[in-house]
Amino acid sequence: MCGRYDLSDNPAAIRAKFSVPAVPQFAPNIDWRPTDRAPIVRLDADGARECVLARWGLVPGWAPDLKFGTRCINARAETVAKLPAFRGAFRRRRCLVPVNAFFEWSGEKGHRLKWRIGLREEPLFALAGLWEWWQDRDSGVGVDSYTIVTCAANAAVAPLHDRMPVILRQADYVRWLAPTADPEAVLAPIDADALQIGQA
C-alpha cells in the first residue's frame, strides 16, 4: 500500500534528476494524497522524456467517471499485467513518480505512529507508476492520471505493512519507461539496507 508520499523538492530538482526539459509549476508538498495532481515522468509520442502533472488514482479510458480512480491509487505487481484497469497501461504507459519519501503507519487505532521511508543515498528518487488518459464524454475535457505499483514489503517495511511501493534505481529508469522492455525484473522490493526509516 502507498497512500501518502512526500515530494518537497522543487521543479528544478526534478528536471535535473530525471533529465526532462521542463517541469510544470507545482507547489512542493510533504503530504501528497490520492486525487492530488502531482508530477510524473513519462515518454512522449517521440520517445523523449517529459514531465506532466497527473491526478493520483488511475482512470482507464473506459471508466464511467473520475471516481473510478479512487480505487486505483495502487496496482499490485503480481496482477498488474492481467487486471483490466492496469494491463493496457502496464504494456504501453509506464511512468516514474518522483518522491522524497513515502509514509506508512503502525500501532493500534487511536495511537498510530506515522513513519517516513526514504532512500539513504538518494533524497529524490522514483516509484514505479502507470499512467492513463481519460476523457469526459460530456465536456470533452481530458485528464491524465496515474497509479503507483506495489510489491511485497522487504524486511525493513514488513513490521509496518505487508506491501510497499516498487522503488526504482536510476539505472532502471530506461528499462521501466521503454514500452518494448520487459520490466518484470524491477518489480521487486528494494534491499532493506537501502532504506532510511524514521518517525514523521
C-alpha atoms as a PDB file:
ATOM      1  CA  MET A   1       0.000   0.000   0.000  1.00  0.00           C
ATOM      2  CA  CYS A   2       1.149   3.539  -0.722  1.00  0.00           C
ATOM      3  CA  GLY A   3      -1.435   6.155   0.180  1.00  0.00           C
ATOM      4  CA  ARG A   4       0.714   9.177   1.081  1.00  0.00           C
ATOM      5  CA  TYR A   5       4.087  10.473  -0.042  1.00  0.00           C
ATOM      6  CA  ASP A   6       6.437  13.428   0.265  1.00  0.00           C
ATOM      7  CA  LEU A   7       7.576  15.407  -2.768  1.00  0.00           C
ATOM      8  CA  SER A   8       9.011  18.574  -1.300  1.00  0.00           C
ATOM      9  CA  ASP A   9      11.746  19.130  -3.898  1.00  0.00           C
ATOM     10  CA  ASN A  10      11.122  21.866  -6.461  1.00  0.00           C
ATOM     11  CA  PRO A  11      10.726  21.655 -10.262  1.00  0.00           C
ATOM     12  CA  ALA A  12      14.428  22.411 -10.843  1.00  0.00           C
ATOM     13  CA  ALA A  13      15.464  19.379  -8.782  1.00  0.00           C
ATOM     14  CA  ILE A  14      13.086  17.121 -10.710  1.00  0.00           C
ATOM     15  CA  ARG A  15      14.328  18.464 -14.038  1.00  0.00           C
ATOM     16  CA  ALA A  16      17.935  17.684 -13.103  1.00  0.00           C
ATOM     17  CA  LYS A  17      17.309  14.281 -11.532  1.00  0.00           C
ATOM     18  CA  PHE A  18      15.069  12.875 -14.262  1.00  0.00           C
ATOM     19  CA  SER A  19      16.626  14.544 -17.318  1.00  0.00           C
ATOM     20  CA  VAL A  20      13.462  16.257 -18.546  1.00  0.00           C
ATOM     21  CA  PRO A  21      13.499  19.565 -20.483  1.00  0.00           C
ATOM     22  CA  ALA A  22      10.846  21.224 -18.321  1.00  0.00           C
ATOM     23  CA  VAL A  23       8.702  20.620 -15.260  1.00  0.00           C
ATOM     24  CA  PRO A  24       5.269  22.223 -14.804  1.00  0.00           C
ATOM     25  CA  GLN A  25       4.983  24.580 -11.874  1.00  0.00           C
ATOM     26  CA  PHE A  26       3.555  22.937  -8.773  1.00  0.00           C
ATOM     27  CA  ALA A  27       3.601  23.561  -5.048  1.00  0.00           C
ATOM     28  CA  PRO A  28       6.009  21.170  -3.281  1.00  0.00           C
ATOM     29  CA  ASN A  29       4.137  19.179  -0.658  1.00  0.00           C
ATOM     30  CA  ILE A  30       5.237  16.867   2.156  1.00  0.00           C
ATOM     31  CA  ASP A  31       1.867  15.079   2.120  1.00  0.00           C
ATOM     32  CA  TRP A  32       0.576  14.221  -1.372  1.00  0.00           C
ATOM     33  CA  ARG A  33      -2.752  12.384  -1.299  1.00  0.00           C
ATOM     34  CA  PRO A  34      -4.955  10.476  -3.767  1.00  0.00           C
ATOM     35  CA  THR A  35      -6.746  12.752  -6.307  1.00  0.00           C
ATOM     36  CA  ASP A  36      -3.959  15.391  -5.980  1.00  0.00           C
ATOM     37  CA  ARG A  37      -2.301  16.450  -9.250  1.00  0.00           C
ATOM     38  CA  ALA A  38       1.388  15.676  -8.944  1.00  0.00           C
ATOM     39  CA  PRO A  39       4.385  15.437 -11.301  1.00  0.00           C
ATOM     40  CA  ILE A  40       5.110  12.219 -13.179  1.00  0.00           C
ATOM     41  CA  VAL A  41       7.797  11.490 -15.771  1.00  0.00           C
ATOM     42  CA  ARG A  42       6.888   9.533 -18.905  1.00  0.00           C
ATOM     43  CA  LEU A  43       7.795   9.196 -22.580  1.00  0.00           C
ATOM     44  CA  ASP A  44       6.111  11.481 -25.107  1.00  0.00           C
ATOM     45  CA  ALA A  45       4.938  10.440 -28.585  1.00  0.00           C
ATOM     46  CA  ASP A  46       8.505  10.772 -29.902  1.00  0.00           C
ATOM     47  CA  GLY A  47      10.005   8.646 -27.134  1.00  0.00           C
ATOM     48  CA  ALA A  48      11.559  11.558 -25.222  1.00  0.00           C
ATOM     49  CA  ARG A  49      11.067  12.072 -21.523  1.00  0.00           C
ATOM     50  CA  GLU A  50       8.551  14.641 -20.387  1.00  0.00           C
ATOM     51  CA  CYS A  51       7.160  15.708 -17.042  1.00  0.00           C
ATOM     52  CA  VAL A  52       3.446  16.410 -16.646  1.00  0.00           C
ATOM     53  CA  LEU A  53       1.009  16.884 -13.797  1.00  0.00           C
ATOM     54  CA  ALA A  54      -1.422  13.996 -13.381  1.00  0.00           C
ATOM     55  CA  ARG A  55      -4.173  13.015 -10.972  1.00  0.00           C
ATOM     56  CA  TRP A  56      -3.263  10.307  -8.455  1.00  0.00           C
ATOM     57  CA  GLY A  57      -5.707   7.416  -8.972  1.00  0.00           C
ATOM     58  CA  LEU A  58      -5.613   5.760 -12.376  1.00  0.00           C
ATOM     59  CA  VAL A  59      -8.736   6.179 -14.520  1.00  0.00           C
ATOM     60  CA  PRO A  60      -8.866   3.902 -17.604  1.00  0.00           C
ATOM     61  CA  GLY A  61     -10.394   5.321 -20.766  1.00  0.00           C
ATOM     62  CA  TRP A  62     -13.467   3.109 -20.369  1.00  0.00           C
ATOM     63  CA  ALA A  63     -14.227   4.206 -16.790  1.00  0.00           C
ATOM     64  CA  PRO A  64     -17.603   5.969 -16.355  1.00  0.00           C
ATOM     65  CA  ASP A  65     -16.180   8.814 -14.247  1.00  0.00           C
ATOM     66  CA  LEU A  66     -13.155  10.091 -12.337  1.00  0.00           C
ATOM     67  CA  LYS A  67     -14.364   8.474  -9.115  1.00  0.00           C
ATOM     68  CA  PHE A  68     -13.108   5.175 -10.517  1.00  0.00           C
ATOM     69  CA  GLY A  69      -9.569   6.372  -9.792  1.00  0.00           C
ATOM     70  CA  THR A  70     -10.051   6.307  -6.029  1.00  0.00           C
ATOM     71  CA  ARG A  71      -9.996   2.502  -6.285  1.00  0.00           C
ATOM     72  CA  CYS A  72      -6.806   2.536  -8.358  1.00  0.00           C
ATOM     73  CA  ILE A  73      -4.233   4.535  -6.402  1.00  0.00           C
ATOM     74  CA  ASN A  74      -2.073   1.391  -6.268  1.00  0.00           C
ATOM     75  CA  ALA A  75      -1.547  -1.559  -8.618  1.00  0.00           C
ATOM     76  CA  ARG A  76      -0.164  -4.859  -7.324  1.00  0.00           C
ATOM     77  CA  ALA A  77       2.949  -6.046  -9.166  1.00  0.00           C
ATOM     78  CA  GLU A  78       1.669  -9.620  -9.065  1.00  0.00           C
ATOM     79  CA  THR A  79      -1.503  -8.829 -11.045  1.00  0.00           C
ATOM     80  CA  VAL A  80      -0.764  -5.577 -12.888  1.00  0.00           C
ATOM     81  CA  ALA A  81      -0.265  -7.332 -16.246  1.00  0.00           C
ATOM     82  CA  LYS A  82      -3.658  -9.070 -16.037  1.00  0.00           C
ATOM     83  CA  LEU A  83      -6.255  -6.777 -14.481  1.00  0.00           C
ATOM     84  CA  PRO A  84      -8.338  -4.777 -16.999  1.00  0.00           C
ATOM     85  CA  ALA A  85      -7.781  -1.476 -15.179  1.00  0.00           C
ATOM     86  CA  PHE A  86      -3.993  -1.730 -15.460  1.00  0.00           C
ATOM     87  CA  ARG A  87      -2.883  -4.141 -18.183  1.00  0.00           C
ATOM     88  CA  GLY A  88      -3.001  -1.647 -21.076  1.00  0.00           C
ATOM     89  CA  ALA A  89      -1.021   0.943 -19.157  1.00  0.00           C
ATOM     90  CA  PHE A  90       1.438  -1.714 -17.982  1.00  0.00           C
ATOM     91  CA  ARG A  91       2.192  -2.654 -21.582  1.00  0.00           C
ATOM     92  CA  ARG A  92       2.430   0.849 -23.046  1.00  0.00           C
ATOM     93  CA  ARG A  93       2.181   3.664 -20.476  1.00  0.00           C
ATOM     94  CA  ARG A  94       4.647   3.289 -17.645  1.00  0.00           C
ATOM     95  CA  CYS A  95       5.938   6.306 -15.724  1.00  0.00           C
ATOM     96  CA  LEU A  96       8.207   7.449 -12.908  1.00  0.00           C
ATOM     97  CA  VAL A  97       6.642   9.023  -9.817  1.00  0.00           C
ATOM     98  CA  PRO A  98       9.193  11.391  -8.225  1.00  0.00           C
ATOM     99  CA  VAL A  99       9.215  11.311  -4.410  1.00  0.00           C
ATOM    100  CA  ASN A 100      11.419  12.231  -1.476  1.00  0.00           C
ATOM    101  CA  ALA A 101       9.797   9.595   0.740  1.00  0.00           C
ATOM    102  CA  PHE A 102       6.592   7.646   1.316  1.00  0.00           C
ATOM    103  CA  PHE A 103       4.675   7.104   4.533  1.00  0.00           C
ATOM    104  CA  GLU A 104       3.343   4.162   6.476  1.00  0.00           C
ATOM    105  CA  TRP A 105       1.620   3.830   9.842  1.00  0.00           C
ATOM    106  CA  SER A 106       1.909   1.371  12.735  1.00  0.00           C
ATOM    107  CA  GLY A 107       0.219   0.763  16.064  1.00  0.00           C
ATOM    108  CA  GLU A 108      -3.286   0.477  17.380  1.00  0.00           C
ATOM    109  CA  LYS A 109      -6.139   2.720  16.259  1.00  0.00           C
ATOM    110  CA  GLY A 110      -6.005   5.966  18.191  1.00  0.00           C
ATOM    111  CA  HIS A 111      -2.298   5.526  18.930  1.00  0.00           C
ATOM    112  CA  ARG A 112      -0.890   5.118  15.447  1.00  0.00           C
ATOM    113  CA  LEU A 113       2.613   6.299  14.562  1.00  0.00           C
ATOM    114  CA  LYS A 114       3.492   7.768  11.172  1.00  0.00           C
ATOM    115  CA  TRP A 115       6.772   6.643   9.589  1.00  0.00           C
ATOM    116  CA  ARG A 116       8.728   8.363   6.822  1.00  0.00           C
ATOM    117  CA  ILE A 117      10.524   5.946   4.489  1.00  0.00           C
ATOM    118  CA  GLY A 118      13.186   7.151   2.045  1.00  0.00           C
ATOM    119  CA  LEU A 119      16.444   6.092   0.437  1.00  0.00           C
ATOM    120  CA  ARG A 120      19.674   6.589   2.381  1.00  0.00           C
ATOM    121  CA  GLU A 121      21.710   7.722  -0.613  1.00  0.00           C
ATOM    122  CA  GLU A 122      19.060   9.348  -2.825  1.00  0.00           C
ATOM    123  CA  PRO A 123      16.997  12.178  -1.320  1.00  0.00           C
ATOM    124  CA  LEU A 124      14.940  12.303  -4.546  1.00  0.00           C
ATOM    125  CA  PHE A 125      14.020   9.034  -6.254  1.00  0.00           C
ATOM    126  CA  ALA A 126      11.277   7.355  -8.306  1.00  0.00           C
ATOM    127  CA  LEU A 127       8.469   4.939  -7.650  1.00  0.00           C
ATOM    128  CA  ALA A 128       7.221   2.724 -10.469  1.00  0.00           C
ATOM    129  CA  GLY A 129       3.976   4.086 -11.897  1.00  0.00           C
ATOM    130  CA  LEU A 130       1.471   3.650 -14.727  1.00  0.00           C
ATOM    131  CA  TRP A 131      -0.463   6.440 -16.429  1.00  0.00           C
ATOM    132  CA  GLU A 132      -3.678   6.733 -18.403  1.00  0.00           C
ATOM    133  CA  TRP A 133      -5.666   9.388 -20.244  1.00  0.00           C
ATOM    134  CA  TRP A 134      -9.418   9.672 -19.672  1.00  0.00           C
ATOM    135  CA  GLN A 135     -11.895  11.976 -21.430  1.00  0.00           C
ATOM    136  CA  ASP A 136     -15.167  13.227 -20.001  1.00  0.00           C
ATOM    137  CA  ARG A 137     -17.874  12.299 -22.507  1.00  0.00           C
ATOM    138  CA  ASP A 138     -19.983  15.382 -21.746  1.00  0.00           C
ATOM    139  CA  SER A 139     -17.405  18.164 -21.570  1.00  0.00           C
ATOM    140  CA  GLY A 140     -14.667  16.614 -23.711  1.00  0.00           C
ATOM    141  CA  VAL A 141     -12.097  17.531 -21.056  1.00  0.00           C
ATOM    142  CA  GLY A 142      -9.194  15.087 -20.823  1.00  0.00           C
ATOM    143  CA  VAL A 143      -7.439  14.039 -17.607  1.00  0.00           C
ATOM    144  CA  ASP A 144      -4.059  12.369 -17.142  1.00  0.00           C
ATOM    145  CA  SER A 145      -3.980  10.026 -14.145  1.00  0.00           C
ATOM    146  CA  TYR A 146      -1.529   7.592 -12.580  1.00  0.00           C
ATOM    147  CA  THR A 147      -1.130   4.758 -10.110  1.00  0.00           C
ATOM    148  CA  ILE A 148       1.810   3.531  -8.038  1.00  0.00           C
ATOM    149  CA  VAL A 149       2.889  -0.103  -8.399  1.00  0.00           C
ATOM    150  CA  THR A 150       3.374  -2.008  -5.132  1.00  0.00           C
ATOM    151  CA  CYS A 151       5.130  -5.238  -4.211  1.00  0.00           C
ATOM    152  CA  ALA A 152       5.614  -7.366  -1.105  1.00  0.00           C
ATOM    153  CA  ALA A 153       7.346  -5.467   1.691  1.00  0.00           C
ATOM    154  CA  ASN A 154      11.016  -6.015   2.406  1.00  0.00           C
ATOM    155  CA  ALA A 155      12.338  -6.810   5.893  1.00  0.00           C
ATOM    156  CA  ALA A 156      12.561  -3.129   6.865  1.00  0.00           C
ATOM    157  CA  VAL A 157       8.970  -2.235   5.922  1.00  0.00           C
ATOM    158  CA  ALA A 158       7.286  -5.533   6.860  1.00  0.00           C
ATOM    159  CA  PRO A 159       6.847  -4.606  10.555  1.00  0.00           C
ATOM    160  CA  LEU A 160       4.795  -1.605   9.373  1.00  0.00           C
ATOM    161  CA  HIS A 161       2.876  -3.042   6.397  1.00  0.00           C
ATOM    162  CA  ASP A 162       2.918  -6.125   4.171  1.00  0.00           C
ATOM    163  CA  ARG A 163       3.126  -4.014   0.977  1.00  0.00           C
ATOM    164  CA  MET A 164       5.431  -1.246  -0.239  1.00  0.00           C
ATOM    165  CA  PRO A 165       5.840   0.745  -3.462  1.00  0.00           C
ATOM    166  CA  VAL A 166       8.258  -0.503  -6.104  1.00  0.00           C
ATOM    167  CA  ILE A 167      11.308   1.782  -5.791  1.00  0.00           C
ATOM    168  CA  LEU A 168      13.287   2.156  -8.999  1.00  0.00           C
ATOM    169  CA  ARG A 169      17.021   2.686  -9.047  1.00  0.00           C
ATOM    170  CA  GLN A 170      18.218   5.279 -11.560  1.00  0.00           C
ATOM    171  CA  ALA A 171      19.772   2.520 -13.675  1.00  0.00           C
ATOM    172  CA  ASP A 172      16.287   1.022 -14.110  1.00  0.00           C
ATOM    173  CA  TYR A 173      14.516   4.172 -15.349  1.00  0.00           C
ATOM    174  CA  VAL A 174      15.104   3.465 -19.039  1.00  0.00           C
ATOM    175  CA  ARG A 175      14.002  -0.149 -18.728  1.00  0.00           C
ATOM    176  CA  TRP A 176      10.818   0.756 -16.868  1.00  0.00           C
ATOM    177  CA  LEU A 177       9.798   3.526 -19.259  1.00  0.00           C
ATOM    178  CA  ALA A 178      10.521   1.730 -22.533  1.00  0.00           C
ATOM    179  CA  PRO A 179       7.328   0.040 -23.819  1.00  0.00           C
ATOM    180  CA  THR A 180       9.361  -2.634 -25.588  1.00  0.00           C
ATOM    181  CA  ALA A 181      11.375  -3.622 -22.497  1.00  0.00           C
ATOM    182  CA  ASP A 182      10.423  -6.413 -20.107  1.00  0.00           C
ATOM    183  CA  PRO A 183      10.011  -4.716 -16.716  1.00  0.00           C
ATOM    184  CA  GLU A 184       9.356  -7.828 -14.628  1.00  0.00           C
ATOM    185  CA  ALA A 185      12.840  -7.876 -13.084  1.00  0.00           C
ATOM    186  CA  VAL A 186      12.378  -4.487 -11.424  1.00  0.00           C
ATOM    187  CA  LEU A 187       9.009  -5.353  -9.834  1.00  0.00           C
ATOM    188  CA  ALA A 188      10.578  -6.449  -6.565  1.00  0.00           C
ATOM    189  CA  PRO A 189      11.228  -4.870  -3.169  1.00  0.00           C
ATOM    190  CA  ILE A 190      14.402  -2.844  -2.897  1.00  0.00           C
ATOM    191  CA  ASP A 191      17.091  -4.067  -0.494  1.00  0.00           C
ATOM    192  CA  ALA A 192      16.121  -3.306   3.097  1.00  0.00           C
ATOM    193  CA  ASP A 193      19.538  -1.760   3.789  1.00  0.00           C
ATOM    194  CA  ALA A 194      18.875   0.933   1.171  1.00  0.00           C
ATOM    195  CA  LEU A 195      16.021   2.435   3.192  1.00  0.00           C
ATOM    196  CA  GLN A 196      16.059   5.074   5.876  1.00  0.00           C
ATOM    197  CA  ILE A 197      13.042   4.938   8.180  1.00  0.00           C
ATOM    198  CA  GLY A 198      12.187   7.445  10.864  1.00  0.00           C
ATOM    199  CA  GLN A 199       9.144   8.674  12.736  1.00  0.00           C
ATOM    200  CA  ALA A 200       7.443  11.500  10.849  1.00  0.00           C
END
